[in-house]
C-alpha atoms as a PDB file:
ATOM      1  CA  MET A   1     108.495 -42.654-176.525  1.00  0.00           C
ATOM      2  CA  HIS A   2     110.797 -44.251-173.957  1.00  0.00           C
ATOM      3  CA  GLN A   3     112.267 -42.185-171.138  1.00  0.00           C
ATOM      4  CA  GLU A   4     114.980 -43.360-168.792  1.00  0.00           C
ATOM      5  CA  ARG A   5     114.069 -43.280-165.100  1.00  0.00           C
ATOM      6  CA  ARG A   6     115.897 -40.707-163.031  1.00  0.00           C
ATOM      7  CA  PHE A   7     115.864 -42.956-159.965  1.00  0.00           C
ATOM      8  CA  ALA A   8     115.746 -46.717-159.612  1.00  0.00           C
ATOM      9  CA  ARG A   9     112.481 -48.052-158.205  1.00  0.00           C
ATOM     10  CA  ILE A  10     112.600 -49.725-154.837  1.00  0.00           C
ATOM     11  CA  LYS A  11     110.309 -52.737-154.803  1.00  0.00           C
ATOM     12  CA  PRO A  12     108.719 -53.736-151.515  1.00  0.00           C
ATOM     13  CA  SER A  13     109.913 -57.040-150.105  1.00  0.00           C
ATOM     14  CA  GLY A  14     107.622 -60.054-149.805  1.00  0.00           C
ATOM     15  CA  SER A  15     104.768 -61.092-152.026  1.00  0.00           C
ATOM     16  CA  LEU A  16     101.963 -58.625-152.545  1.00  0.00           C
ATOM     17  CA  SER A  17      98.493 -59.076-153.935  1.00  0.00           C
ATOM     18  CA  LYS A  18      97.654 -57.463-157.275  1.00  0.00           C
ATOM     19  CA  ALA A  19      94.233 -56.329-155.982  1.00  0.00           C
ATOM     20  CA  GLY A  20      93.681 -52.972-154.303  1.00  0.00           C
ATOM     21  CA  LYS A  21      90.782 -50.847-153.111  1.00  0.00           C
ATOM     22  CA  ILE A  22      90.215 -47.160-153.704  1.00  0.00           C
ATOM     23  CA  ILE A  23      88.546 -45.269-150.850  1.00  0.00           C
ATOM     24  CA  ILE A  24      87.134 -41.903-151.899  1.00  0.00           C
ATOM     25  CA  ASP A  25      85.430 -41.111-148.597  1.00  0.00           C
ATOM     26  CA  PRO A  26      83.980 -43.179-145.726  1.00  0.00           C
ATOM     27  CA  LYS A  27      80.385 -42.925-147.051  1.00  0.00           C
ATOM     28  CA  SER A  28      81.159 -43.875-150.673  1.00  0.00           C
ATOM     29  CA  PRO A  29      81.426 -47.477-151.842  1.00  0.00           C
ATOM     30  CA  VAL A  30      84.948 -48.871-152.219  1.00  0.00           C
ATOM     31  CA  ILE A  31      86.211 -49.136-155.820  1.00  0.00           C
ATOM     32  CA  GLY A  32      88.238 -52.200-156.766  1.00  0.00           C
ATOM     33  CA  CYS A  33      91.419 -51.811-158.796  1.00  0.00           C
ATOM     34  CA  SER A  34      94.402 -53.807-160.022  1.00  0.00           C
ATOM     35  CA  ILE A  35      97.943 -52.819-159.129  1.00  0.00           C
ATOM     36  CA  VAL A  36     100.003 -52.800-162.329  1.00  0.00           C
ATOM     37  CA  ASP A  37     103.182 -51.379-160.808  1.00  0.00           C
ATOM     38  CA  TYR A  38     104.082 -50.331-157.247  1.00  0.00           C
ATOM     39  CA  SER A  39     107.036 -48.455-155.791  1.00  0.00           C
ATOM     40  CA  ALA A  40     107.843 -46.539-152.623  1.00  0.00           C
ATOM     41  CA  GLY A  41     106.729 -43.234-154.181  1.00  0.00           C
ATOM     42  CA  GLY A  42     103.689 -44.235-156.228  1.00  0.00           C
ATOM     43  CA  ALA A  43     101.824 -46.814-158.257  1.00  0.00           C
ATOM     44  CA  CYS A  44     100.141 -47.536-161.560  1.00  0.00           C
ATOM     45  CA  LEU A  45      96.527 -48.621-161.060  1.00  0.00           C
ATOM     46  CA  GLU A  46      93.992 -50.085-163.453  1.00  0.00           C
ATOM     47  CA  VAL A  47      90.282 -49.473-162.885  1.00  0.00           C
ATOM     48  CA  ALA A  48      87.162 -50.445-164.807  1.00  0.00           C
ATOM     49  CA  PRO A  49      86.691 -48.352-167.983  1.00  0.00           C
ATOM     50  CA  GLY A  50      84.559 -45.282-167.368  1.00  0.00           C
ATOM     51  CA  THR A  51      85.355 -45.102-163.649  1.00  0.00           C
ATOM     52  CA  SER A  52      85.470 -41.482-162.496  1.00  0.00           C
ATOM     53  CA  LEU A  53      87.889 -40.705-159.679  1.00  0.00           C
ATOM     54  CA  PRO A  54      88.796 -37.504-157.828  1.00  0.00           C
ATOM     55  CA  LYS A  55      92.361 -36.162-157.888  1.00  0.00           C
ATOM     56  CA  ARG A  56      92.985 -37.369-154.304  1.00  0.00           C
ATOM     57  CA  PHE A  57      91.922 -40.576-152.565  1.00  0.00           C
ATOM     58  CA  GLU A  58      93.228 -43.389-150.364  1.00  0.00           C
ATOM     59  CA  LEU A  59      94.521 -46.703-151.670  1.00  0.00           C
ATOM     60  CA  LEU A  60      94.165 -49.820-149.526  1.00  0.00           C
ATOM     61  CA  TYR A  61      96.761 -52.317-150.670  1.00  0.00           C
ATOM     62  CA  SER A  62      98.233 -55.300-148.862  1.00  0.00           C
ATOM     63  CA  GLY A  63      96.909 -54.094-145.493  1.00  0.00           C
ATOM     64  CA  THR A  64      98.323 -50.570-145.879  1.00  0.00           C
ATOM     65  CA  LYS A  65      96.466 -47.324-146.584  1.00  0.00           C
ATOM     66  CA  LYS A  66      98.250 -44.707-148.680  1.00  0.00           C
ATOM     67  CA  LYS A  67      97.032 -41.186-149.459  1.00  0.00           C
ATOM     68  CA  CYS A  68      97.280 -40.799-153.237  1.00  0.00           C
ATOM     69  CA  ARG A  69      97.380 -37.950-155.721  1.00  0.00           C
ATOM     70  CA  VAL A  70      96.644 -38.686-159.392  1.00  0.00           C
ATOM     71  CA  VAL A  71      99.585 -37.579-161.567  1.00  0.00           C
ATOM     72  CA  TRP A  72      98.563 -39.050-164.938  1.00  0.00           C
ATOM     73  CA  THR A  73      95.723 -40.963-166.605  1.00  0.00           C
ATOM     74  CA  ASP A  74      95.526 -43.059-169.762  1.00  0.00           C
ATOM     75  CA  ARG A  75      92.158 -44.697-170.466  1.00  0.00           C
ATOM     76  CA  SER A  76      91.602 -47.158-167.612  1.00  0.00           C
ATOM     77  CA  ARG A  77      95.075 -46.737-166.088  1.00  0.00           C
ATOM     78  CA  LEU A  78      96.244 -44.013-163.767  1.00  0.00           C
ATOM     79  CA  GLY A  79      99.479 -43.135-162.051  1.00  0.00           C
ATOM     80  CA  VAL A  80      99.427 -41.979-158.447  1.00  0.00           C
ATOM     81  CA  ALA A  81     102.022 -40.484-156.139  1.00  0.00           C
ATOM     82  CA  PHE A  82     102.043 -41.248-152.407  1.00  0.00           C
END
């Protein structure tokens, strides 16, 4: 099912890496992820199958930390809002 976007995505300028890191808390190991899609308000991340994540965490991507909230999941992909 295809839905039209209500707002156009604003893509960050410059080239960005496709690799990110998920930080659950300072004492937990960092979890690697791939950035599938990124916008000013959120991102689509891909993690290893079977990875369990909390509803809130920090994403380290291209030198920037963002506080994330999981809004949807589909197998090894998840959508987060900043």
